Amino acid sequence: MYGPCFIGGHAGADCIADIIATRMYENDEVAMIIDIGTNGEIVIGNKCKMMTASCAAGGAYEGYQIRCGVGAIAGAIVQIEISGGRAVYKTLNDAPAVGVCGSGVIDLLAEMYRNGIMNARTRIEDDYYITDDLCISQDDINQLVIAKAGLRSDQDLLIRYYGVTLDDVRKIYLAGAFGNYMNIENAMTIGLLPRTDKDKFVRFGNGALAGARDMLLSRTRRLDSERLLDLIEHTKPNEIEGGEFAYIVADNMYFKED
């Protein structure tokens, strides 16, 4: 039995496993990991130095905390477009729609914004119905934009703390099944991801599982994971920014061009 190291805050052994899986600690180029789940974990760095930040993202993008939300189950809406005010969608396993999962939620917010159903300050006049039975309310949207604002704030601040710009970040790894299925353009539209060249984004699936497997099968990777603690600085942006942090998060709640 082997237990990987813990970094700090919400950045635990799964974050170490993500780093091991991407091999970003072996490279000169600066890369970033974005792992979105109940906890959001952000990593930036290269073989010389790494920084992490983490936040409690809640379950908003995992199908929880919103009325129409579901996990990745049969009948979950995974893709949505709005045409003529009506939602056109695809469900998992092509089963009858039972709710909207994370990737579908991102599409829904982006499409509502593009079609003028929701304004840049994330306000809607009435509940928006996806089907006769499934709708999204203002309260649901509030949960979603609060979660994405915290995640995005950590991304922006870590880039600044590291002393680089977004242009200097050569790869952005999207961790987890959620990262595998999200529409990157839509995620940038709602501000969940920074506006940058889409070719930078690398979907690498369940990085925590891949890294755990590497550490179990390779003594070298286990030693790498232990050495990483000397390379990683865990930051707490809410403490670093103090009272200004609430304003940074509030600003990231709205939709805007980067």
Protein backbone atom coordinates (compact mmCIF):
# COMPACT_ATOMS: atom_id res chain seq x y z
CA MET A 1 0.00 0.00 0.00
CA TYR A 2 1.23 3.50 -0.86
CA GLY A 3 -0.27 6.90 -0.10
CA PRO A 4 0.90 9.89 -2.17
CA CYS A 5 1.81 13.16 -0.50
CA PHE A 6 -0.64 15.91 0.37
CA ILE A 7 0.07 19.47 -0.86
CA GLY A 8 -2.24 21.75 1.11
CA GLY A 9 -5.75 23.15 1.26
CA HIS A 10 -7.96 21.26 -1.19
CA ALA A 11 -4.88 20.28 -3.24
CA GLY A 12 -4.34 16.72 -2.13
CA ALA A 13 -2.88 13.50 -3.45
CA ASP A 14 -5.09 13.70 -6.55
CA CYS A 15 -3.33 16.94 -7.48
CA ILE A 16 0.08 15.26 -7.10
CA ALA A 17 -1.22 12.45 -9.31
CA ASP A 18 -2.29 14.98 -11.98
CA ILE A 19 1.22 16.44 -12.00
CA ILE A 20 2.79 12.99 -12.30
CA ALA A 21 0.43 12.04 -15.13
CA THR A 22 1.21 15.15 -17.20
CA ARG A 23 4.99 14.99 -16.59
CA MET A 24 4.94 18.79 -16.48
CA TYR A 25 7.61 18.65 -13.76
CA GLU A 26 10.09 17.29 -16.33
CA ASN A 27 9.74 20.15 -18.84
CA ASP A 28 11.17 23.63 -19.35
CA GLU A 29 7.94 25.06 -20.75
CA VAL A 30 5.38 26.50 -18.36
CA ALA A 31 2.14 24.52 -18.25
CA MET A 32 -1.08 24.64 -16.26
CA ILE A 33 -3.45 21.98 -14.93
CA ILE A 34 -7.13 22.79 -14.37
CA ASP A 35 -8.97 20.07 -12.45
CA ILE A 36 -12.65 20.91 -11.96
CA GLY A 37 -14.72 18.87 -9.54
CA THR A 38 -16.23 19.31 -6.12
CA ASN A 39 -12.87 20.91 -5.36
CA GLY A 40 -11.13 22.97 -8.01
CA GLU A 41 -7.37 22.58 -8.23
CA ILE A 42 -5.05 24.71 -10.36
CA VAL A 43 -1.34 24.05 -10.94
CA ILE A 44 1.14 26.18 -12.88
CA GLY A 45 4.82 25.59 -13.44
CA ASN A 46 7.67 23.59 -14.92
CA LYS A 47 10.67 21.60 -13.74
CA CYS A 48 12.07 24.59 -11.85
CA LYS A 49 9.06 25.69 -9.83
CA MET A 50 5.36 24.97 -9.39
CA MET A 51 2.53 26.79 -7.68
CA THR A 52 -0.91 25.51 -6.79
CA ALA A 53 -4.17 26.98 -5.61
CA SER A 54 -7.42 25.28 -4.69
CA CYS A 55 -10.97 26.17 -3.87
CA ALA A 56 -14.19 24.47 -2.89
CA ALA A 57 -16.08 24.60 -6.17
CA GLY A 58 -19.11 22.74 -4.90
CA GLY A 59 -20.97 20.35 -7.16
CA ALA A 60 -22.39 22.96 -9.54
CA TYR A 61 -20.50 21.60 -12.55
CA GLU A 62 -20.93 17.98 -11.52
CA GLY A 63 -24.70 18.12 -11.84
CA TYR A 64 -25.42 19.11 -8.25
CA GLN A 65 -26.62 22.36 -6.66
CA ILE A 66 -28.92 23.14 -9.59
CA ARG A 67 -32.48 21.94 -10.09
CA CYS A 68 -32.02 20.32 -13.49
CA GLY A 69 -28.52 18.99 -12.78
CA VAL A 70 -27.55 15.32 -12.92
CA GLY A 71 -24.30 13.38 -13.11
CA ALA A 72 -23.07 11.58 -16.20
CA ILE A 73 -25.92 9.06 -16.34
CA ALA A 74 -28.09 7.76 -19.17
CA GLY A 75 -30.37 10.58 -20.27
CA ALA A 76 -28.05 13.35 -19.06
CA ILE A 77 -27.94 16.23 -21.54
CA VAL A 78 -24.29 16.54 -22.58
CA GLN A 79 -24.56 19.02 -25.47
CA ILE A 80 -26.97 21.90 -26.08
CA GLU A 81 -27.51 24.45 -28.82
CA ILE A 82 -30.28 27.05 -28.89
CA SER A 83 -31.94 27.69 -32.23
CA GLY A 84 -34.91 30.01 -32.57
CA GLY A 85 -35.20 30.14 -28.79
CA ARG A 86 -35.55 26.37 -28.51
CA ALA A 87 -32.95 24.02 -27.06
CA VAL A 88 -31.58 21.29 -29.31
CA TYR A 89 -29.68 18.75 -27.28
CA LYS A 90 -27.89 15.41 -27.16
CA THR A 91 -28.21 13.01 -24.24
CA LEU A 92 -25.91 10.31 -22.94
CA ASN A 93 -26.76 6.98 -24.58
CA ASP A 94 -29.45 8.86 -26.59
CA ALA A 95 -31.84 8.15 -23.72
CA PRO A 96 -34.79 10.45 -22.84
CA ALA A 97 -33.60 13.62 -21.12
CA VAL A 98 -33.53 13.42 -17.31
CA GLY A 99 -31.32 16.43 -16.54
CA VAL A 100 -28.21 18.36 -17.54
CA CYS A 101 -24.66 17.30 -16.64
CA GLY A 102 -21.55 19.47 -16.46
CA SER A 103 -20.67 19.75 -20.16
CA GLY A 104 -24.31 20.49 -20.97
CA VAL A 105 -24.46 23.20 -18.31
CA ILE A 106 -21.49 25.00 -19.90
CA ASP A 107 -23.16 24.82 -23.33
CA LEU A 108 -26.44 26.05 -21.87
CA LEU A 109 -24.92 29.15 -20.25
CA ALA A 110 -22.92 30.01 -23.38
CA GLU A 111 -25.90 29.54 -25.68
CA MET A 112 -28.24 31.56 -23.45
CA TYR A 113 -25.70 34.39 -23.50
CA ARG A 114 -25.18 34.24 -27.28
CA ASN A 115 -28.92 34.24 -27.92
CA GLY A 116 -29.66 37.16 -25.61
CA ILE A 117 -31.64 35.05 -23.14
CA MET A 118 -29.11 35.90 -20.45
CA ASN A 119 -27.20 39.21 -20.30
CA ALA A 120 -23.54 39.83 -19.52
CA ARG A 121 -24.40 40.29 -15.85
CA THR A 122 -25.82 36.74 -15.89
CA ARG A 123 -29.44 37.83 -15.43
CA ILE A 124 -32.50 36.21 -17.01
CA GLU A 125 -36.08 37.46 -17.00
CA ASP A 126 -37.75 34.07 -16.61
CA ASP A 127 -36.82 30.44 -16.04
CA TYR A 128 -35.51 28.96 -19.28
CA TYR A 129 -37.06 25.63 -20.26
CA ILE A 130 -34.85 23.10 -22.00
CA THR A 131 -37.68 20.57 -22.19
CA ASP A 132 -41.26 20.72 -20.95
CA ASP A 133 -40.04 19.48 -17.56
CA LEU A 134 -36.44 20.69 -17.27
CA CYS A 135 -35.55 24.34 -16.72
CA ILE A 136 -32.80 26.52 -15.34
CA SER A 137 -33.61 29.36 -12.93
CA GLN A 138 -31.82 32.51 -11.81
CA ASP A 139 -30.88 30.77 -8.56
CA ASP A 140 -29.30 27.94 -10.56
CA ILE A 141 -27.32 30.40 -12.66
CA ASN A 142 -26.11 32.16 -9.51
CA GLN A 143 -24.69 28.87 -8.20
CA LEU A 144 -22.93 28.22 -11.50
CA VAL A 145 -21.36 31.65 -11.89
CA ILE A 146 -20.15 31.76 -8.28
CA ALA A 147 -18.39 28.41 -8.78
CA LYS A 148 -16.81 29.43 -12.08
CA ALA A 149 -15.73 32.81 -10.70
CA GLY A 150 -13.71 31.19 -7.91
CA LEU A 151 -12.04 28.79 -10.32
CA ARG A 152 -11.24 31.49 -12.84
CA SER A 153 -9.88 33.84 -10.17
CA ASP A 154 -7.43 31.17 -9.04
CA GLN A 155 -6.27 30.66 -12.64
CA ASP A 156 -5.65 34.37 -13.22
CA LEU A 157 -3.97 34.94 -9.88
CA LEU A 158 -1.66 31.92 -10.15
CA ILE A 159 -0.46 33.14 -13.54
CA ARG A 160 0.31 36.53 -11.96
CA TYR A 161 1.97 35.03 -8.86
CA TYR A 162 4.15 32.85 -11.08
CA GLY A 163 5.40 35.96 -12.87
CA VAL A 164 4.28 35.08 -16.39
CA THR A 165 1.44 35.96 -18.75
CA LEU A 166 -1.16 33.69 -20.32
CA ASP A 167 0.86 33.81 -23.55
CA ASP A 168 3.79 32.22 -21.68
CA VAL A 169 1.68 29.21 -20.64
CA ARG A 170 2.33 26.69 -23.42
CA LYS A 171 -0.13 23.93 -22.42
CA ILE A 172 -3.29 23.86 -20.33
CA TYR A 173 -4.22 20.37 -19.18
CA LEU A 174 -7.92 19.72 -18.51
CA ALA A 175 -8.26 16.97 -15.94
CA GLY A 176 -11.07 14.51 -15.39
CA ALA A 177 -14.01 13.24 -17.40
CA PHE A 178 -15.53 16.70 -17.19
CA GLY A 179 -12.51 18.18 -18.95
CA ASN A 180 -12.74 15.48 -21.61
CA TYR A 181 -16.25 16.39 -22.68
CA MET A 182 -16.57 20.14 -22.17
CA ASN A 183 -16.83 22.39 -25.22
CA ILE A 184 -13.71 24.53 -24.85
CA GLU A 185 -15.07 27.45 -26.87
CA ASN A 186 -18.18 27.56 -24.69
CA ALA A 187 -16.10 27.29 -21.52
CA MET A 188 -14.08 30.30 -22.68
CA THR A 189 -17.28 32.18 -23.56
CA ILE A 190 -18.60 31.91 -20.00
CA GLY A 191 -15.20 32.65 -18.48
CA LEU A 192 -14.61 29.25 -16.92
CA LEU A 193 -11.41 28.99 -19.00
CA PRO A 194 -9.20 31.89 -20.13
CA ARG A 195 -9.52 33.11 -23.70
CA THR A 196 -6.47 31.73 -25.49
CA ASP A 197 -5.42 29.53 -28.43
CA LYS A 198 -7.53 26.37 -28.28
CA ASP A 199 -4.53 24.33 -29.43
CA LYS A 200 -2.99 24.89 -25.98
CA PHE A 201 -5.66 22.79 -24.28
CA VAL A 202 -4.87 19.12 -23.67
CA ARG A 203 -7.59 16.76 -22.48
CA PHE A 204 -5.95 14.01 -20.48
CA GLY A 205 -8.85 12.24 -18.82
CA ASN A 206 -8.68 10.97 -15.27
CA GLY A 207 -5.28 12.33 -14.34
CA ALA A 208 -5.65 11.32 -10.71
CA LEU A 209 -6.16 7.69 -11.70
CA ALA A 210 -3.39 7.77 -14.32
CA GLY A 211 -0.94 9.31 -11.85
CA ALA A 212 -1.93 6.86 -9.12
CA ARG A 213 -1.29 3.98 -11.51
CA ASP A 214 2.12 5.40 -12.42
CA MET A 215 3.10 5.70 -8.77
CA LEU A 216 1.95 2.17 -7.95
CA LEU A 217 3.80 0.63 -10.89
CA SER A 218 6.98 2.72 -10.81
CA ARG A 219 9.29 3.33 -7.87
CA THR A 220 10.79 6.22 -9.89
CA ARG A 221 7.40 7.95 -10.11
CA ARG A 222 6.84 7.47 -6.39
CA LEU A 223 10.17 9.16 -5.68
CA ASP A 224 9.25 11.90 -8.16
CA SER A 225 5.99 12.53 -6.31
CA GLU A 226 7.82 12.88 -2.98
CA ARG A 227 10.39 15.26 -4.44
CA LEU A 228 7.61 17.42 -5.86
CA LEU A 229 6.85 18.78 -2.41
CA ASP A 230 10.14 20.71 -2.51
CA LEU A 231 9.14 22.14 -5.90
CA ILE A 232 5.54 23.14 -5.14
CA GLU A 233 4.37 26.27 -3.37
CA HIS A 234 0.72 26.08 -2.32
CA THR A 235 -0.89 29.51 -2.36
CA LYS A 236 -4.06 30.82 -0.75
CA PRO A 237 -5.20 33.69 -2.99
CA ASN A 238 -7.98 34.72 -0.60
CA GLU A 239 -5.35 35.35 2.09
CA ILE A 240 -2.81 36.94 -0.25
CA GLU A 241 -5.35 39.34 -1.77
CA GLY A 242 -7.17 40.02 1.50
CA GLY A 243 -10.29 42.13 1.13
CA GLU A 244 -9.60 42.62 -2.58
CA PHE A 245 -10.24 38.93 -3.28
CA ALA A 246 -14.02 39.29 -2.99
CA TYR A 247 -13.97 41.99 -5.67
CA ILE A 248 -11.81 39.84 -7.97
CA VAL A 249 -14.26 36.95 -7.66
CA ALA A 250 -17.26 39.25 -8.14
CA ASP A 251 -15.74 40.66 -11.32
CA ASN A 252 -15.24 37.14 -12.68
CA MET A 253 -18.90 36.29 -12.14
CA TYR A 254 -19.86 38.34 -15.18
CA PHE A 255 -19.38 37.51 -18.86
CA LYS A 256 -16.82 39.63 -20.64
CA GLU A 257 -14.20 39.50 -23.32
CA ASP A 258 -10.69 38.71 -22.00
